[in-house]
Amino acid sequence: MVGTVVPILVGLLLIVLGIVNMTGNVSTLHSYHRQRVTEENRKPFGKMVGLGTLIAGLGIVAVGVTIFLAEKLQNEVFVTLGIVLLPTFLIPGIVLMVIAMKKYNGGIF
């Protein structure tokens, strides 16, 4: 059960953080990013980073759901589905966040 609950909770947390960032509120991001992004770019930066975070969160929730289904239905095909879904969501989400960081503050570090 822990193998199901933890990814779902982490994914939901990322989804909420993504939505918060998409409103232009970047207070959840590292101070480095908040300081280097101009006030006029804060909203588009927040939207891009937030969308990437939301997409990554959806992938993590999907993994939790597939683990739950695999356990309840005793069908390993759901484990395979989870293995496929995670990078399908996680990679584009991270790429979008990195693109936003490079575009609006010159780098990720």
Protein backbone atom coordinates (compact mmCIF):
# COMPACT_ATOMS: atom_id res chain seq x y z
CA MET A 1 0.00 0.00 0.00
CA VAL A 2 2.89 2.40 0.75
CA GLY A 3 4.15 1.78 -2.78
CA THR A 4 0.88 3.22 -4.01
CA VAL A 5 0.24 6.05 -1.57
CA VAL A 6 3.68 7.70 -1.68
CA PRO A 7 3.85 8.28 -5.44
CA ILE A 8 0.26 9.48 -5.54
CA LEU A 9 0.85 11.96 -2.70
CA VAL A 10 4.15 13.19 -4.18
CA GLY A 11 2.52 13.55 -7.59
CA LEU A 12 -0.44 15.46 -6.15
CA LEU A 13 1.96 17.77 -4.30
CA LEU A 14 3.80 18.48 -7.56
CA ILE A 15 0.51 19.12 -9.35
CA VAL A 16 -0.52 21.65 -6.69
CA LEU A 17 2.90 23.34 -6.83
CA GLY A 18 2.68 23.44 -10.61
CA ILE A 19 -0.71 25.13 -10.47
CA VAL A 20 0.60 27.66 -7.93
CA ASN A 21 3.56 28.45 -10.19
CA MET A 22 1.34 28.73 -13.26
CA THR A 23 -0.50 31.63 -11.62
CA GLY A 24 2.78 33.57 -11.61
CA ASN A 25 3.51 32.87 -7.96
CA VAL A 26 7.10 31.60 -8.06
CA SER A 27 7.61 31.73 -4.30
CA THR A 28 7.94 27.92 -4.21
CA LEU A 29 11.01 28.04 -6.46
CA HIS A 30 14.59 28.42 -5.28
CA SER A 31 15.59 31.98 -4.46
CA TYR A 32 18.18 31.88 -7.25
CA HIS A 33 15.41 31.63 -9.82
CA ARG A 34 13.23 34.24 -8.14
CA GLN A 35 16.09 36.75 -8.03
CA ARG A 36 17.27 36.28 -11.60
CA VAL A 37 13.89 36.48 -13.33
CA THR A 38 12.68 40.00 -14.01
CA GLU A 39 9.29 41.09 -12.72
CA GLU A 40 7.87 41.25 -16.25
CA ASN A 41 9.03 37.68 -16.98
CA ARG A 42 7.79 36.22 -13.70
CA LYS A 43 4.36 35.24 -15.04
CA PRO A 44 5.55 33.49 -18.25
CA PHE A 45 8.40 31.86 -16.31
CA GLY A 46 5.95 30.64 -13.68
CA LYS A 47 3.61 29.30 -16.36
CA MET A 48 6.35 27.30 -18.07
CA VAL A 49 7.91 25.94 -14.89
CA GLY A 50 4.47 25.27 -13.43
CA LEU A 51 3.32 23.38 -16.50
CA GLY A 52 6.47 21.26 -16.41
CA THR A 53 5.93 20.54 -12.72
CA LEU A 54 2.29 19.68 -13.32
CA ILE A 55 3.17 17.30 -16.16
CA ALA A 56 5.82 15.57 -14.02
CA GLY A 57 3.31 15.29 -11.16
CA LEU A 58 0.75 13.68 -13.44
CA GLY A 59 3.32 11.05 -14.42
CA ILE A 60 4.09 10.24 -10.80
CA VAL A 61 0.38 9.97 -9.94
CA ALA A 62 -0.05 7.68 -12.96
CA VAL A 63 2.69 5.40 -11.62
CA GLY A 64 0.97 5.21 -8.23
CA VAL A 65 -2.33 4.34 -9.89
CA THR A 66 -0.73 1.65 -12.06
CA ILE A 67 0.97 0.13 -9.00
CA PHE A 68 -2.39 0.10 -7.22
CA LEU A 69 -4.05 -1.59 -10.21
CA ALA A 70 -1.25 -4.14 -10.50
CA GLU A 71 -1.67 -5.06 -6.82
CA LYS A 72 -5.48 -5.17 -6.83
CA LEU A 73 -5.93 -6.93 -10.15
CA GLN A 74 -2.85 -9.16 -9.83
CA ASN A 75 -1.83 -8.17 -13.34
CA GLU A 76 1.77 -7.26 -14.09
CA VAL A 77 0.81 -5.45 -17.29
CA PHE A 78 0.06 -2.43 -15.11
CA VAL A 79 3.64 -2.41 -13.84
CA THR A 80 4.82 -2.25 -17.44
CA LEU A 81 2.34 0.53 -18.13
CA GLY A 82 3.71 2.47 -15.15
CA ILE A 83 7.26 2.01 -16.39
CA VAL A 84 6.21 3.45 -19.76
CA LEU A 85 4.12 6.29 -18.33
CA LEU A 86 6.72 7.67 -15.92
CA PRO A 87 9.32 8.80 -18.47
CA THR A 88 6.55 9.75 -20.91
CA PHE A 89 5.45 12.46 -18.46
CA LEU A 90 8.60 13.08 -16.41
CA ILE A 91 11.01 13.79 -19.28
CA PRO A 92 8.84 16.40 -21.06
CA GLY A 93 8.03 18.02 -17.71
CA ILE A 94 11.68 18.35 -16.75
CA VAL A 95 12.65 19.52 -20.24
CA LEU A 96 10.00 22.24 -20.10
CA MET A 97 11.27 23.41 -16.70
CA VAL A 98 14.88 23.50 -17.92
CA ILE A 99 13.90 25.42 -21.07
CA ALA A 100 12.06 27.98 -18.92
CA MET A 101 15.02 28.37 -16.58
CA LYS A 102 17.47 28.85 -19.44
CA LYS A 103 15.16 31.26 -21.26
CA TYR A 104 14.22 33.47 -18.33
CA ASN A 105 17.23 33.39 -16.01
CA GLY A 106 20.11 32.27 -18.16
CA GLY A 107 20.63 28.81 -16.70
CA ILE A 108 19.50 26.19 -14.25
CA PHE A 109 22.21 26.95 -11.67
